[in-house]
């Protein structure tokens, strides 16, 4: 099973951000390191499943040396995230929101380096964890 390198970044006023150099656009965040690692695994699974559903080629994981050769990656802490054995099925849903709320969601997600879907999934997961 393949493992991809994820980079964890932390700014003073933000959550722990996670990105995958081999998979541009595959980003997530967590309130603490444990949540960031858990969300990284989920983001990787969703991203790979989406690529597979779109018929995109899944890249081979880069080595740590190759990732760290890029100066932009040296500010992050590298972790290995195991790719799922089988890509999870992505399901498209249709929701209805007031336009101004959707604009606020999109702006917040973009600022956090996330997609709308990723932000809504993370928010729902956090709400369910908090309720438990």
C-alpha atoms as a PDB file:
ATOM      1  CA  UNK A   1       0.000   0.000   0.000  1.00  0.00           C
ATOM      2  CA  UNK A   2       1.325   3.431  -0.945  1.00  0.00           C
ATOM      3  CA  UNK A   3       1.973   6.215   1.531  1.00  0.00           C
ATOM      4  CA  UNK A   4       2.047   9.871   0.556  1.00  0.00           C
ATOM      5  CA  UNK A   5       3.988  12.614   2.277  1.00  0.00           C
ATOM      6  CA  UNK A   6       1.806  15.288   3.835  1.00  0.00           C
ATOM      7  CA  UNK A   7       3.153  18.549   5.199  1.00  0.00           C
ATOM      8  CA  UNK A   8       1.713  20.043   8.362  1.00  0.00           C
ATOM      9  CA  UNK A   9       1.905  23.822   8.700  1.00  0.00           C
ATOM     10  CA  UNK A  10       0.913  25.975  11.654  1.00  0.00           C
ATOM     11  CA  UNK A  11       0.519  29.729  11.711  1.00  0.00           C
ATOM     12  CA  UNK A  12       0.052  31.533  15.021  1.00  0.00           C
ATOM     13  CA  UNK A  13      -3.619  32.304  14.365  1.00  0.00           C
ATOM     14  CA  UNK A  14      -4.717  29.210  12.448  1.00  0.00           C
ATOM     15  CA  UNK A  15      -5.476  25.540  12.787  1.00  0.00           C
ATOM     16  CA  UNK A  16      -2.893  22.981  11.703  1.00  0.00           C
ATOM     17  CA  UNK A  17      -2.995  22.987   7.893  1.00  0.00           C
ATOM     18  CA  UNK A  18      -2.135  19.876   5.898  1.00  0.00           C
ATOM     19  CA  UNK A  19      -1.148  19.669   2.241  1.00  0.00           C
ATOM     20  CA  UNK A  20       0.092  16.920  -0.061  1.00  0.00           C
ATOM     21  CA  UNK A  21       2.868  18.041  -2.433  1.00  0.00           C
ATOM     22  CA  UNK A  22       2.149  15.136  -4.813  1.00  0.00           C
ATOM     23  CA  UNK A  23      -1.556  16.014  -4.986  1.00  0.00           C
ATOM     24  CA  UNK A  24      -2.146  19.727  -5.592  1.00  0.00           C
ATOM     25  CA  UNK A  25      -5.493  20.790  -4.158  1.00  0.00           C
ATOM     26  CA  UNK A  26      -5.533  18.010  -1.570  1.00  0.00           C
ATOM     27  CA  UNK A  27      -5.577  20.071   1.618  1.00  0.00           C
ATOM     28  CA  UNK A  28      -7.254  19.914   4.991  1.00  0.00           C
ATOM     29  CA  UNK A  29      -6.856  21.189   8.534  1.00  0.00           C
ATOM     30  CA  UNK A  30      -7.307  20.181  12.150  1.00  0.00           C
ATOM     31  CA  UNK A  31      -7.652  21.993  15.445  1.00  0.00           C
ATOM     32  CA  UNK A  32      -4.781  19.938  16.893  1.00  0.00           C
ATOM     33  CA  UNK A  33      -2.152  17.544  15.554  1.00  0.00           C
ATOM     34  CA  UNK A  34      -4.244  14.431  16.127  1.00  0.00           C
ATOM     35  CA  UNK A  35      -7.190  15.900  14.250  1.00  0.00           C
ATOM     36  CA  UNK A  36      -4.885  17.167  11.481  1.00  0.00           C
ATOM     37  CA  UNK A  37      -3.463  13.651  10.992  1.00  0.00           C
ATOM     38  CA  UNK A  38      -6.944  12.101  10.969  1.00  0.00           C
ATOM     39  CA  UNK A  39      -8.227  14.689   8.522  1.00  0.00           C
ATOM     40  CA  UNK A  40      -5.148  14.128   6.328  1.00  0.00           C
ATOM     41  CA  UNK A  41      -6.045  10.457   5.954  1.00  0.00           C
ATOM     42  CA  UNK A  42      -9.640  11.342   5.087  1.00  0.00           C
ATOM     43  CA  UNK A  43      -8.610  14.087   2.639  1.00  0.00           C
ATOM     44  CA  UNK A  44      -6.180  11.730   0.899  1.00  0.00           C
ATOM     45  CA  UNK A  45      -8.832   9.033   0.548  1.00  0.00           C
ATOM     46  CA  UNK A  46     -11.402  11.487  -0.830  1.00  0.00           C
ATOM     47  CA  UNK A  47      -8.931  13.111  -3.200  1.00  0.00           C
ATOM     48  CA  UNK A  48      -7.722   9.807  -4.638  1.00  0.00           C
ATOM     49  CA  UNK A  49     -11.296   8.578  -5.022  1.00  0.00           C
ATOM     50  CA  UNK A  50     -12.220  11.782  -6.831  1.00  0.00           C
ATOM     51  CA  UNK A  51      -9.264  11.440  -9.169  1.00  0.00           C
ATOM     52  CA  UNK A  52     -10.199   7.836  -9.909  1.00  0.00           C
ATOM     53  CA  UNK A  53     -13.843   8.802 -10.551  1.00  0.00           C
ATOM     54  CA  UNK A  54     -12.685  11.519 -12.950  1.00  0.00           C
ATOM     55  CA  UNK A  55     -10.389   9.074 -14.760  1.00  0.00           C
ATOM     56  CA  UNK A  56      -7.256  10.963 -13.704  1.00  0.00           C
ATOM     57  CA  UNK A  57      -3.962   9.145 -13.281  1.00  0.00           C
ATOM     58  CA  UNK A  58      -2.933   8.664  -9.656  1.00  0.00           C
ATOM     59  CA  UNK A  59       0.683   9.824  -9.222  1.00  0.00           C
ATOM     60  CA  UNK A  60       3.277   7.670  -7.537  1.00  0.00           C
ATOM     61  CA  UNK A  61       4.313   9.027  -4.130  1.00  0.00           C
ATOM     62  CA  UNK A  62       7.487  11.104  -4.111  1.00  0.00           C
ATOM     63  CA  UNK A  63      10.385  10.403  -1.807  1.00  0.00           C
ATOM     64  CA  UNK A  64      10.993  12.594   1.226  1.00  0.00           C
ATOM     65  CA  UNK A  65      14.158  13.853  -0.445  1.00  0.00           C
ATOM     66  CA  UNK A  66      12.241  14.919  -3.544  1.00  0.00           C
ATOM     67  CA  UNK A  67       9.547  16.688  -1.508  1.00  0.00           C
ATOM     68  CA  UNK A  68      12.065  18.516   0.666  1.00  0.00           C
ATOM     69  CA  UNK A  69      14.127  19.558  -2.345  1.00  0.00           C
ATOM     70  CA  UNK A  70      11.434  22.175  -2.962  1.00  0.00           C
ATOM     71  CA  UNK A  71      12.253  25.147  -0.722  1.00  0.00           C
ATOM     72  CA  UNK A  72       8.530  25.913  -0.230  1.00  0.00           C
ATOM     73  CA  UNK A  73       8.068  22.566   1.533  1.00  0.00           C
ATOM     74  CA  UNK A  74      10.796  23.054   4.126  1.00  0.00           C
ATOM     75  CA  UNK A  75       8.579  25.042   6.491  1.00  0.00           C
ATOM     76  CA  UNK A  76       6.258  22.069   7.001  1.00  0.00           C
ATOM     77  CA  UNK A  77       6.608  18.981   9.136  1.00  0.00           C
ATOM     78  CA  UNK A  78       6.469  15.869   6.958  1.00  0.00           C
ATOM     79  CA  UNK A  79       4.282  12.910   7.907  1.00  0.00           C
ATOM     80  CA  UNK A  80       3.416   9.752   5.996  1.00  0.00           C
ATOM     81  CA  UNK A  81      -0.245   9.139   5.245  1.00  0.00           C
ATOM     82  CA  UNK A  82      -1.236   5.714   4.034  1.00  0.00           C
ATOM     83  CA  UNK A  83      -3.420   5.628   0.954  1.00  0.00           C
ATOM     84  CA  UNK A  84      -6.539   3.515   1.319  1.00  0.00           C
ATOM     85  CA  UNK A  85      -6.472   0.049  -0.216  1.00  0.00           C
ATOM     86  CA  UNK A  86      -9.607   0.868  -2.165  1.00  0.00           C
ATOM     87  CA  UNK A  87     -10.701   4.354  -3.064  1.00  0.00           C
ATOM     88  CA  UNK A  88     -13.866   5.485  -1.306  1.00  0.00           C
ATOM     89  CA  UNK A  89     -16.855   6.237  -3.471  1.00  0.00           C
ATOM     90  CA  UNK A  90     -17.588   9.934  -3.765  1.00  0.00           C
ATOM     91  CA  UNK A  91     -21.260  10.861  -3.803  1.00  0.00           C
ATOM     92  CA  UNK A  92     -22.518  14.146  -5.228  1.00  0.00           C
ATOM     93  CA  UNK A  93     -25.213  15.798  -3.119  1.00  0.00           C
ATOM     94  CA  UNK A  94     -27.447  18.772  -3.778  1.00  0.00           C
ATOM     95  CA  UNK A  95     -28.065  21.186  -0.916  1.00  0.00           C
ATOM     96  CA  UNK A  96     -29.911  24.470  -0.723  1.00  0.00           C
ATOM     97  CA  UNK A  97     -28.390  27.461   1.076  1.00  0.00           C
ATOM     98  CA  UNK A  98     -29.041  31.184   1.071  1.00  0.00           C
ATOM     99  CA  UNK A  99     -26.717  32.869  -1.425  1.00  0.00           C
ATOM    100  CA  UNK A 100     -25.033  35.079   1.185  1.00  0.00           C
ATOM    101  CA  UNK A 101     -24.282  32.074   3.415  1.00  0.00           C
ATOM    102  CA  UNK A 102     -22.788  30.197   0.468  1.00  0.00           C
ATOM    103  CA  UNK A 103     -20.594  33.196  -0.334  1.00  0.00           C
ATOM    104  CA  UNK A 104     -19.366  33.282   3.289  1.00  0.00           C
ATOM    105  CA  UNK A 105     -18.680  29.532   3.219  1.00  0.00           C
ATOM    106  CA  UNK A 106     -16.751  29.811  -0.042  1.00  0.00           C
ATOM    107  CA  UNK A 107     -14.702  32.766   1.210  1.00  0.00           C
ATOM    108  CA  UNK A 108     -13.832  30.993   4.454  1.00  0.00           C
ATOM    109  CA  UNK A 109     -12.954  27.739   2.675  1.00  0.00           C
ATOM    110  CA  UNK A 110     -10.733  29.559   0.186  1.00  0.00           C
ATOM    111  CA  UNK A 111      -8.959  31.439   2.982  1.00  0.00           C
ATOM    112  CA  UNK A 112      -8.327  28.106   4.716  1.00  0.00           C
ATOM    113  CA  UNK A 113      -7.009  26.577   1.479  1.00  0.00           C
ATOM    114  CA  UNK A 114      -9.925  24.173   1.219  1.00  0.00           C
ATOM    115  CA  UNK A 115     -12.633  23.376  -1.282  1.00  0.00           C
ATOM    116  CA  UNK A 116     -16.279  24.013  -0.460  1.00  0.00           C
ATOM    117  CA  UNK A 117     -16.902  20.269  -0.222  1.00  0.00           C
ATOM    118  CA  UNK A 118     -13.874  19.729   1.987  1.00  0.00           C
ATOM    119  CA  UNK A 119     -14.898  22.554   4.300  1.00  0.00           C
ATOM    120  CA  UNK A 120     -18.498  21.338   4.596  1.00  0.00           C
ATOM    121  CA  UNK A 121     -17.329  17.764   5.239  1.00  0.00           C
ATOM    122  CA  UNK A 122     -14.865  18.940   7.912  1.00  0.00           C
ATOM    123  CA  UNK A 123     -17.499  21.137   9.548  1.00  0.00           C
ATOM    124  CA  UNK A 124     -20.031  18.317   9.638  1.00  0.00           C
ATOM    125  CA  UNK A 125     -17.470  15.908  11.061  1.00  0.00           C
ATOM    126  CA  UNK A 126     -16.473  18.399  13.782  1.00  0.00           C
ATOM    127  CA  UNK A 127     -20.120  19.013  14.672  1.00  0.00           C
ATOM    128  CA  UNK A 128     -20.723  15.276  15.022  1.00  0.00           C
ATOM    129  CA  UNK A 129     -17.555  14.837  17.129  1.00  0.00           C
ATOM    130  CA  UNK A 130     -18.554  17.730  19.383  1.00  0.00           C
ATOM    131  CA  UNK A 131     -22.033  16.248  19.835  1.00  0.00           C
ATOM    132  CA  UNK A 132     -20.668  12.844  20.825  1.00  0.00           C
END
